[in-house]
Structure formats: structure tokens, C-alpha cells
Amino acid sequence: MEALQPVQNIPFMRATIRRRFPKVSSPTVDALLAVLLQQLLQSTNQSESSQATSMNLQMAMDRRSKFVEALSNVMKRIDDTQESIVQNMK
């Protein structure tokens, strides 16, 4: 539930852990809180990494598209030139 919040509220998280596990000592609550925060951080890093990968892939696809278009234009010009040569020879 806390992971869905835009900003983590550490006192709220600590209180939630204490309510969920009432017999756990304070150092254990802090340890559980640290693990929870570490998991949230890893999940955020994976999301950011996924976005960066997606952006890099999109940029590569754009470069490929521009290259294919340029190659197509060159091939068309070569074909037009060949046709002109053949017409001039006739």
C-alpha cells in the first residue's frame, strides 16, 4: 500500500509494521523498514532502467528508419540515372 504513494512516509510505514507485527522489537521494526525501503528503491531503479532501455530502443529505431529512407532515396536515384542512360542510348 505504501509503495503506491508518491513519497514514502517513513513514520507511517514504521507504524504500519508495528500494527502488523505487534510483538516485534523496535530494532526488528527498523530492520524490516530498511528492507522495505531497499525493495522500493530497487523497484524504482528497475523502472527507471526500463524507461532508459525503452528510450534507447526508440532512438535506435528512429536512426534505422532514417537510414532505410536515405538508402531508398539513393537506390531510386541510381535507378533513375540508369533509366536516363538507357533512354539516351536509344
PDB file of N, CA and C in Angstrom:
ATOM      1  N   MET A   1       0.830  -1.187   0.000  1.00  0.00           N
ATOM      2  CA  MET A   1       0.000   0.000   0.000  1.00  0.00           C
ATOM      3  C   MET A   1       0.880   1.259   0.000  1.00  0.00           C
ATOM      4  N   GLU A   2       1.921   1.222   0.801  1.00  0.00           N
ATOM      5  CA  GLU A   2       2.807   2.390   0.910  1.00  0.00           C
ATOM      6  C   GLU A   2       3.593   2.606  -0.380  1.00  0.00           C
ATOM      7  N   ALA A   3       3.917   1.527  -1.084  1.00  0.00           N
ATOM      8  CA  ALA A   3       4.702   1.646  -2.311  1.00  0.00           C
ATOM      9  C   ALA A   3       3.958   2.435  -3.374  1.00  0.00           C
ATOM     10  N   LEU A   4       2.643   2.479  -3.308  1.00  0.00           N
ATOM     11  CA  LEU A   4       1.851   3.193  -4.295  1.00  0.00           C
ATOM     12  C   LEU A   4       1.849   4.697  -4.046  1.00  0.00           C
ATOM     13  N   GLN A   5       2.268   5.124  -2.863  1.00  0.00           N
ATOM     14  CA  GLN A   5       2.304   6.538  -2.527  1.00  0.00           C
ATOM     15  C   GLN A   5       3.436   7.213  -3.301  1.00  0.00           C
ATOM     16  N   PRO A   6       3.246   8.475  -3.747  1.00  0.00           N
ATOM     17  CA  PRO A   6       4.306   9.149  -4.491  1.00  0.00           C
ATOM     18  C   PRO A   6       5.563   9.402  -3.656  1.00  0.00           C
ATOM     19  N   VAL A   7       5.388   9.687  -2.369  1.00  0.00           N
ATOM     20  CA  VAL A   7       6.524   9.897  -1.475  1.00  0.00           C
ATOM     21  C   VAL A   7       6.307   8.993  -0.262  1.00  0.00           C
ATOM     22  N   GLN A   8       7.357   8.244   0.099  1.00  0.00           N
ATOM     23  CA  GLN A   8       7.200   7.319   1.217  1.00  0.00           C
ATOM     24  C   GLN A   8       7.190   8.094   2.535  1.00  0.00           C
ATOM     25  N   ASN A   9       6.244   7.749   3.387  1.00  0.00           N
ATOM     26  CA  ASN A   9       6.086   8.363   4.692  1.00  0.00           C
ATOM     27  C   ASN A   9       6.650   7.365   5.713  1.00  0.00           C
ATOM     28  N   ILE A  10       7.889   7.581   6.119  1.00  0.00           N
ATOM     29  CA  ILE A  10       8.582   6.613   6.970  1.00  0.00           C
ATOM     30  C   ILE A  10       7.881   6.415   8.320  1.00  0.00           C
ATOM     31  N   PRO A  11       7.431   7.467   8.997  1.00  0.00           N
ATOM     32  CA  PRO A  11       6.709   7.219  10.257  1.00  0.00           C
ATOM     33  C   PRO A  11       5.445   6.369  10.044  1.00  0.00           C
ATOM     34  N   PHE A  12       4.731   6.620   8.963  1.00  0.00           N
ATOM     35  CA  PHE A  12       3.550   5.820   8.660  1.00  0.00           C
ATOM     36  C   PHE A  12       3.944   4.370   8.398  1.00  0.00           C
ATOM     37  N   MET A  13       5.029   4.169   7.666  1.00  0.00           N
ATOM     38  CA  MET A  13       5.500   2.812   7.365  1.00  0.00           C
ATOM     39  C   MET A  13       5.879   2.084   8.658  1.00  0.00           C
ATOM     40  N   ARG A  14       6.583   2.792   9.529  1.00  0.00           N
ATOM     41  CA  ARG A  14       7.003   2.191  10.804  1.00  0.00           C
ATOM     42  C   ARG A  14       5.767   1.814  11.638  1.00  0.00           C
ATOM     43  N   ALA A  15       4.782   2.707  11.685  1.00  0.00           N
ATOM     44  CA  ALA A  15       3.558   2.430  12.445  1.00  0.00           C
ATOM     45  C   ALA A  15       2.789   1.251  11.846  1.00  0.00           C
ATOM     46  N   THR A  16       2.783   1.156  10.535  1.00  0.00           N
ATOM     47  CA  THR A  16       2.100   0.041   9.873  1.00  0.00           C
ATOM     48  C   THR A  16       2.777  -1.287  10.212  1.00  0.00           C
ATOM     49  N   ILE A  17       4.112  -1.276  10.210  1.00  0.00           N
ATOM     50  CA  ILE A  17       4.853  -2.502  10.577  1.00  0.00           C
ATOM     51  C   ILE A  17       4.542  -2.884  12.021  1.00  0.00           C
ATOM     52  N   ARG A  18       4.516  -1.891  12.908  1.00  0.00           N
ATOM     53  CA  ARG A  18       4.223  -2.186  14.329  1.00  0.00           C
ATOM     54  C   ARG A  18       2.810  -2.742  14.510  1.00  0.00           C
ATOM     55  N   ARG A  19       1.856  -2.203  13.748  1.00  0.00           N
ATOM     56  CA  ARG A  19       0.481  -2.733  13.838  1.00  0.00           C
ATOM     57  C   ARG A  19       0.412  -4.153  13.282  1.00  0.00           C
ATOM     58  N   ARG A  20       1.118  -4.387  12.204  1.00  0.00           N
ATOM     59  CA  ARG A  20       1.069  -5.708  11.560  1.00  0.00           C
ATOM     60  C   ARG A  20       1.796  -6.765  12.391  1.00  0.00           C
ATOM     61  N   PHE A  21       2.899  -6.363  13.022  1.00  0.00           N
ATOM     62  CA  PHE A  21       3.702  -7.279  13.838  1.00  0.00           C
ATOM     63  C   PHE A  21       3.865  -6.688  15.243  1.00  0.00           C
ATOM     64  N   PRO A  22       2.842  -6.765  16.080  1.00  0.00           N
ATOM     65  CA  PRO A  22       2.870  -6.083  17.385  1.00  0.00           C
ATOM     66  C   PRO A  22       3.903  -6.620  18.360  1.00  0.00           C
ATOM     67  N   LYS A  23       4.324  -7.874  18.240  1.00  0.00           N
ATOM     68  CA  LYS A  23       5.260  -8.461  19.202  1.00  0.00           C
ATOM     69  C   LYS A  23       6.726  -8.291  18.806  1.00  0.00           C
ATOM     70  N   VAL A  24       6.978  -7.600  17.718  1.00  0.00           N
ATOM     71  CA  VAL A  24       8.351  -7.445  17.217  1.00  0.00           C
ATOM     72  C   VAL A  24       9.025  -6.275  17.930  1.00  0.00           C
ATOM     73  N   SER A  25      10.326  -6.436  18.230  1.00  0.00           N
ATOM     74  CA  SER A  25      11.070  -5.378  18.926  1.00  0.00           C
ATOM     75  C   SER A  25      11.349  -4.199  17.993  1.00  0.00           C
ATOM     76  N   SER A  26      11.706  -3.082  18.594  1.00  0.00           N
ATOM     77  CA  SER A  26      11.966  -1.857  17.841  1.00  0.00           C
ATOM     78  C   SER A  26      13.111  -2.021  16.825  1.00  0.00           C
ATOM     79  N   PRO A  27      14.240  -2.669  17.198  1.00  0.00           N
ATOM     80  CA  PRO A  27      15.298  -2.863  16.202  1.00  0.00           C
ATOM     81  C   PRO A  27      14.833  -3.732  15.018  1.00  0.00           C
ATOM     82  N   THR A  28      13.968  -4.695  15.297  1.00  0.00           N
ATOM     83  CA  THR A  28      13.450  -5.542  14.221  1.00  0.00           C
ATOM     84  C   THR A  28      12.533  -4.741  13.305  1.00  0.00           C
ATOM     85  N   VAL A  29      11.736  -3.850  13.902  1.00  0.00           N
ATOM     86  CA  VAL A  29      10.881  -2.984  13.089  1.00  0.00           C
ATOM     87  C   VAL A  29      11.748  -2.126  12.171  1.00  0.00           C
ATOM     88  N   ASP A  30      12.833  -1.582  12.722  1.00  0.00           N
ATOM     89  CA  ASP A  30      13.741  -0.766  11.919  1.00  0.00           C
ATOM     90  C   ASP A  30      14.387  -1.599  10.802  1.00  0.00           C
ATOM     91  N   ALA A  31      14.731  -2.844  11.104  1.00  0.00           N
ATOM     92  CA  ALA A  31      15.309  -3.721  10.088  1.00  0.00           C
ATOM     93  C   ALA A  31      14.297  -4.011   8.983  1.00  0.00           C
ATOM     94  N   LEU A  32      13.051  -4.293   9.375  1.00  0.00           N
ATOM     95  CA  LEU A  32      12.004  -4.527   8.377  1.00  0.00           C
ATOM     96  C   LEU A  32      11.765  -3.277   7.529  1.00  0.00           C
ATOM     97  N   LEU A  33      11.796  -2.128   8.163  1.00  0.00           N
ATOM     98  CA  LEU A  33      11.634  -0.870   7.448  1.00  0.00           C
ATOM     99  C   LEU A  33      12.774  -0.672   6.446  1.00  0.00           C
ATOM    100  N   ALA A  34      13.992  -0.984   6.864  1.00  0.00           N
ATOM    101  CA  ALA A  34      15.143  -0.855   5.965  1.00  0.00           C
ATOM    102  C   ALA A  34      15.000  -1.784   4.757  1.00  0.00           C
ATOM    103  N   VAL A  35      14.560  -3.001   4.986  1.00  0.00           N
ATOM    104  CA  VAL A  35      14.358  -3.955   3.878  1.00  0.00           C
ATOM    105  C   VAL A  35      13.278  -3.440   2.941  1.00  0.00           C
ATOM    106  N   LEU A  36      12.205  -2.938   3.501  1.00  0.00           N
ATOM    107  CA  LEU A  36      11.115  -2.405   2.692  1.00  0.00           C
ATOM    108  C   LEU A  36      11.591  -1.234   1.834  1.00  0.00           C
ATOM    109  N   LEU A  37      12.331  -0.320   2.435  1.00  0.00           N
ATOM    110  CA  LEU A  37      12.847   0.834   1.686  1.00  0.00           C
ATOM    111  C   LEU A  37      13.823   0.389   0.591  1.00  0.00           C
ATOM    112  N   GLN A  38      14.646  -0.613   0.885  1.00  0.00           N
ATOM    113  CA  GLN A  38      15.578  -1.133  -0.117  1.00  0.00           C
ATOM    114  C   GLN A  38      14.811  -1.738  -1.300  1.00  0.00           C
ATOM    115  N   GLN A  39      13.755  -2.482  -1.022  1.00  0.00           N
ATOM    116  CA  GLN A  39      12.952  -3.075  -2.092  1.00  0.00           C
ATOM    117  C   GLN A  39      12.269  -1.990  -2.927  1.00  0.00           C
ATOM    118  N   LEU A  40      11.777  -0.950  -2.273  1.00  0.00           N
ATOM    119  CA  LEU A  40      11.161   0.160  -3.005  1.00  0.00           C
ATOM    120  C   LEU A  40      12.180   0.849  -3.903  1.00  0.00           C
ATOM    121  N   LEU A  41      13.397   1.030  -3.394  1.00  0.00           N
ATOM    122  CA  LEU A  41      14.458   1.661  -4.174  1.00  0.00           C
ATOM    123  C   LEU A  41      14.825   0.804  -5.385  1.00  0.00           C
ATOM    124  N   GLN A  42      14.960  -0.512  -5.190  1.00  0.00           N
ATOM    125  CA  GLN A  42      15.280  -1.412  -6.300  1.00  0.00           C
ATOM    126  C   GLN A  42      14.175  -1.386  -7.347  1.00  0.00           C
ATOM    127  N   SER A  43      12.954  -1.396  -6.903  1.00  0.00           N
ATOM    128  CA  SER A  43      11.824  -1.362  -7.838  1.00  0.00           C
ATOM    129  C   SER A  43      11.832  -0.065  -8.635  1.00  0.00           C
ATOM    130  N   THR A  44      12.146   1.056  -7.998  1.00  0.00           N
ATOM    131  CA  THR A  44      12.231   2.345  -8.687  1.00  0.00           C
ATOM    132  C   THR A  44      13.374   2.329  -9.691  1.00  0.00           C
ATOM    133  N   ASN A  45      14.538   1.784  -9.292  1.00  0.00           N
ATOM    134  CA  ASN A  45      15.686   1.723 -10.201  1.00  0.00           C
ATOM    135  C   ASN A  45      15.385   0.855 -11.410  1.00  0.00           C
ATOM    136  N   GLN A  46      14.683  -0.265 -11.215  1.00  0.00           N
ATOM    137  CA  GLN A  46      14.334  -1.128 -12.334  1.00  0.00           C
ATOM    138  C   GLN A  46      13.389  -0.413 -13.288  1.00  0.00           C
ATOM    139  N   SER A  47      12.466   0.338 -12.741  1.00  0.00           N
ATOM    140  CA  SER A  47      11.523   1.090 -13.568  1.00  0.00           C
ATOM    141  C   SER A  47      12.256   2.135 -14.400  1.00  0.00           C
ATOM    142  N   GLU A  48      13.183   2.868 -13.755  1.00  0.00           N
ATOM    143  CA  GLU A  48      13.961   3.883 -14.464  1.00  0.00           C
ATOM    144  C   GLU A  48      14.838   3.235 -15.523  1.00  0.00           C
ATOM    145  N   SER A  49      15.427   2.079 -15.200  1.00  0.00           N
ATOM    146  CA  SER A  49      16.266   1.358 -16.157  1.00  0.00           C
ATOM    147  C   SER A  49      15.436   0.908 -17.345  1.00  0.00           C
ATOM    148  N   SER A  50      14.240   0.447 -17.087  1.00  0.00           N
ATOM    149  CA  SER A  50      13.343   0.004 -18.152  1.00  0.00           C
ATOM    150  C   SER A  50      12.981   1.173 -19.060  1.00  0.00           C
ATOM    151  N   GLN A  51      12.740   2.326 -18.477  1.00  0.00           N
ATOM    152  CA  GLN A  51      12.414   3.514 -19.267  1.00  0.00           C
ATOM    153  C   GLN A  51      13.601   3.938 -20.117  1.00  0.00           C
ATOM    154  N   ALA A  52      14.817   3.871 -19.559  1.00  0.00           N
ATOM    155  CA  ALA A  52      16.012   4.232 -20.313  1.00  0.00           C
ATOM    156  C   ALA A  52      16.225   3.265 -21.470  1.00  0.00           C
ATOM    157  N   THR A  53      16.024   1.977 -21.221  1.00  0.00           N
ATOM    158  CA  THR A  53      16.160   0.977 -22.277  1.00  0.00           C
ATOM    159  C   THR A  53      15.146   1.232 -23.377  1.00  0.00           C
ATOM    160  N   SER A  54      13.939   1.539 -22.985  1.00  0.00           N
ATOM    161  CA  SER A  54      12.879   1.817 -23.958  1.00  0.00           C
ATOM    162  C   SER A  54      13.230   3.040 -24.800  1.00  0.00           C
ATOM    163  N   MET A  55      13.758   4.071 -24.157  1.00  0.00           N
ATOM    164  CA  MET A  55      14.142   5.284 -24.873  1.00  0.00           C
ATOM    165  C   MET A  55      15.287   4.988 -25.851  1.00  0.00           C
ATOM    166  N   ASN A  56      16.283   4.213 -25.406  1.00  0.00           N
ATOM    167  CA  ASN A  56      17.402   3.855 -26.288  1.00  0.00           C
ATOM    168  C   ASN A  56      16.918   3.051 -27.481  1.00  0.00           C
ATOM    169  N   LEU A  57      15.998   2.145 -27.261  1.00  0.00           N
ATOM    170  CA  LEU A  57      15.443   1.348 -28.349  1.00  0.00           C
ATOM    171  C   LEU A  57      14.692   2.234 -29.334  1.00  0.00           C
ATOM    172  N   GLN A  58      13.914   3.175 -28.831  1.00  0.00           N
ATOM    173  CA  GLN A  58      13.182   4.087 -29.706  1.00  0.00           C
ATOM    174  C   GLN A  58      14.139   4.928 -30.546  1.00  0.00           C
ATOM    175  N   MET A  59      15.231   5.402 -29.935  1.00  0.00           N
ATOM    176  CA  MET A  59      16.220   6.196 -30.675  1.00  0.00           C
ATOM    177  C   MET A  59      16.881   5.345 -31.755  1.00  0.00           C
ATOM    178  N   ALA A  60      17.208   4.096 -31.437  1.00  0.00           N
ATOM    179  CA  ALA A  60      17.817   3.201 -32.425  1.00  0.00           C
ATOM    180  C   ALA A  60      16.854   2.938 -33.580  1.00  0.00           C
ATOM    181  N   MET A  61      15.585   2.742 -33.269  1.00  0.00           N
ATOM    182  CA  MET A  61      14.591   2.516 -34.327  1.00  0.00           C
ATOM    183  C   MET A  61      14.449   3.759 -35.216  1.00  0.00           C
ATOM    184  N   ASP A  62      14.498   4.942 -34.621  1.00  0.00           N
ATOM    185  CA  ASP A  62      14.430   6.176 -35.403  1.00  0.00           C
ATOM    186  C   ASP A  62      15.633   6.303 -36.333  1.00  0.00           C
ATOM    187  N   ARG A  63      16.838   5.997 -35.810  1.00  0.00           N
ATOM    188  CA  ARG A  63      18.043   6.049 -36.649  1.00  0.00           C
ATOM    189  C   ARG A  63      17.947   5.057 -37.795  1.00  0.00           C
ATOM    190  N   ARG A  64      17.453   3.850 -37.498  1.00  0.00           N
ATOM    191  CA  ARG A  64      17.312   2.826 -38.526  1.00  0.00           C
ATOM    192  C   ARG A  64      16.331   3.287 -39.604  1.00  0.00           C
ATOM    193  N   SER A  65      15.226   3.862 -39.181  1.00  0.00           N
ATOM    194  CA  SER A  65      14.217   4.344 -40.126  1.00  0.00           C
ATOM    195  C   SER A  65      14.807   5.415 -41.052  1.00  0.00           C
ATOM    196  N   LYS A  66      15.575   6.348 -40.485  1.00  0.00           N
ATOM    197  CA  LYS A  66      16.206   7.395 -41.298  1.00  0.00           C
ATOM    198  C   LYS A  66      17.225   6.801 -42.260  1.00  0.00           C
ATOM    199  N   PHE A  67      17.974   5.805 -41.807  1.00  0.00           N
ATOM    200  CA  PHE A  67      18.954   5.147 -42.667  1.00  0.00           C
ATOM    201  C   PHE A  67      18.262   4.441 -43.834  1.00  0.00           C
ATOM    202  N   VAL A  68      17.187   3.711 -43.545  1.00  0.00           N
ATOM    203  CA  VAL A  68      16.452   2.992 -44.591  1.00  0.00           C
ATOM    204  C   VAL A  68      15.872   3.982 -45.595  1.00  0.00           C
ATOM    205  N   GLU A  69      15.359   5.103 -45.115  1.00  0.00           N
ATOM    206  CA  GLU A  69      14.816   6.120 -46.017  1.00  0.00           C
ATOM    207  C   GLU A  69      15.908   6.696 -46.915  1.00  0.00           C
ATOM    208  N   ALA A  70      17.063   7.007 -46.323  1.00  0.00           N
ATOM    209  CA  ALA A  70      18.176   7.542 -47.121  1.00  0.00           C
ATOM    210  C   ALA A  70      18.642   6.515 -48.152  1.00  0.00           C
ATOM    211  N   LEU A  71      18.758   5.265 -47.751  1.00  0.00           N
ATOM    212  CA  LEU A  71      19.173   4.208 -48.668  1.00  0.00           C
ATOM    213  C   LEU A  71      18.167   4.064 -49.811  1.00  0.00           C
ATOM    214  N   SER A  72      16.889   4.123 -49.491  1.00  0.00           N
ATOM    215  CA  SER A  72      15.848   4.042 -50.506  1.00  0.00           C
ATOM    216  C   SER A  72      15.965   5.196 -51.503  1.00  0.00           C
ATOM    217  N   ASN A  73      16.228   6.388 -51.009  1.00  0.00           N
ATOM    218  CA  ASN A  73      16.386   7.551 -51.892  1.00  0.00           C
ATOM    219  C   ASN A  73      17.589   7.380 -52.812  1.00  0.00           C
ATOM    220  N   VAL A  74      18.691   6.875 -52.290  1.00  0.00           N
ATOM    221  CA  VAL A  74      19.891   6.655 -53.111  1.00  0.00           C
ATOM    222  C   VAL A  74      19.605   5.614 -54.187  1.00  0.00           C
ATOM    223  N   MET A  75      18.945   4.519 -53.810  1.00  0.00           N
ATOM    224  CA  MET A  75      18.637   3.472 -54.783  1.00  0.00           C
ATOM    225  C   MET A  75      17.700   3.993 -55.876  1.00  0.00           C
ATOM    226  N   LYS A  76      16.743   4.845 -55.511  1.00  0.00           N
ATOM    227  CA  LYS A  76      15.839   5.422 -56.500  1.00  0.00           C
ATOM    228  C   LYS A  76      16.610   6.308 -57.464  1.00  0.00           C
ATOM    229  N   ARG A  77      17.525   7.105 -56.960  1.00  0.00           N
ATOM    230  CA  ARG A  77      18.323   7.980 -57.830  1.00  0.00           C
ATOM    231  C   ARG A  77      19.194   7.163 -58.773  1.00  0.00           C
ATOM    232  N   ILE A  78      19.761   6.068 -58.272  1.00  0.00           N
ATOM    233  CA  ILE A  78      20.566   5.184 -59.139  1.00  0.00           C
ATOM    234  C   ILE A  78      19.687   4.611 -60.245  1.00  0.00           C
ATOM    235  N   ASP A  79      18.492   4.159 -59.888  1.00  0.00           N
ATOM    236  CA  ASP A  79      17.565   3.602 -60.875  1.00  0.00           C
ATOM    237  C   ASP A  79      17.173   4.658 -61.905  1.00  0.00           C
ATOM    238  N   ASP A  80      16.881   5.879 -61.446  1.00  0.00           N
ATOM    239  CA  ASP A  80      16.530   6.970 -62.367  1.00  0.00           C
ATOM    240  C   ASP A  80      17.690   7.268 -63.310  1.00  0.00           C
ATOM    241  N   THR A  81      18.906   7.276 -62.782  1.00  0.00           N
ATOM    242  CA  THR A  81      20.086   7.534 -63.604  1.00  0.00           C
ATOM    243  C   THR A  81      20.263   6.432 -64.643  1.00  0.00           C
ATOM    244  N   GLN A  82      20.099   5.185 -64.248  1.00  0.00           N
ATOM    245  CA  GLN A  82      20.223   4.067 -65.184  1.00  0.00           C
ATOM    246  C   GLN A  82      19.179   4.176 -66.294  1.00  0.00           C
ATOM    247  N   GLU A  83      17.952   4.530 -65.929  1.00  0.00           N
ATOM    248  CA  GLU A  83      16.899   4.689 -66.944  1.00  0.00           C
ATOM    249  C   GLU A  83      17.242   5.813 -67.909  1.00  0.00           C
ATOM    250  N   SER A  84      17.789   6.912 -67.392  1.00  0.00           N
ATOM    251  CA  SER A  84      18.180   8.037 -68.255  1.00  0.00           C
ATOM    252  C   SER A  84      19.270   7.629 -69.214  1.00  0.00           C
ATOM    253  N   ILE A  85      20.231   6.869 -68.744  1.00  0.00           N
ATOM    254  CA  ILE A  85      21.331   6.402 -69.593  1.00  0.00           C
ATOM    255  C   ILE A  85      20.783   5.517 -70.707  1.00  0.00           C
ATOM    256  N   VAL A  86      19.908   4.595 -70.345  1.00  0.00           N
ATOM    257  CA  VAL A  86      19.324   3.682 -71.333  1.00  0.00           C
ATOM    258  C   VAL A  86      18.511   4.489 -72.371  1.00  0.00           C
ATOM    259  N   GLN A  87      17.731   5.442 -71.921  1.00  0.00           N
ATOM    260  CA  GLN A  87      16.939   6.268 -72.837  1.00  0.00           C
ATOM    261  C   GLN A  87      17.841   7.069 -73.767  1.00  0.00           C
ATOM    262  N   ASN A  88      18.956   7.599 -73.255  1.00  0.00           N
ATOM    263  CA  ASN A  88      19.873   8.381 -74.076  1.00  0.00           C
ATOM    264  C   ASN A  88      20.579   7.514 -75.109  1.00  0.00           C
ATOM    265  N   MET A  89      20.803   6.236 -74.760  1.00  0.00           N
ATOM    266  CA  MET A  89      21.470   5.317 -75.692  1.00  0.00           C
ATOM    267  C   MET A  89      20.527   4.926 -76.831  1.00  0.00           C
ATOM    268  N   LYS A  90      19.220   4.920 -76.591  1.00  0.00           N
ATOM    269  CA  LYS A  90      18.255   4.555 -77.615  1.00  0.00           C
ATOM    270  C   LYS A  90      18.137   5.685 -78.567  1.00  0.00           C
TER     271      LYS A  90
END
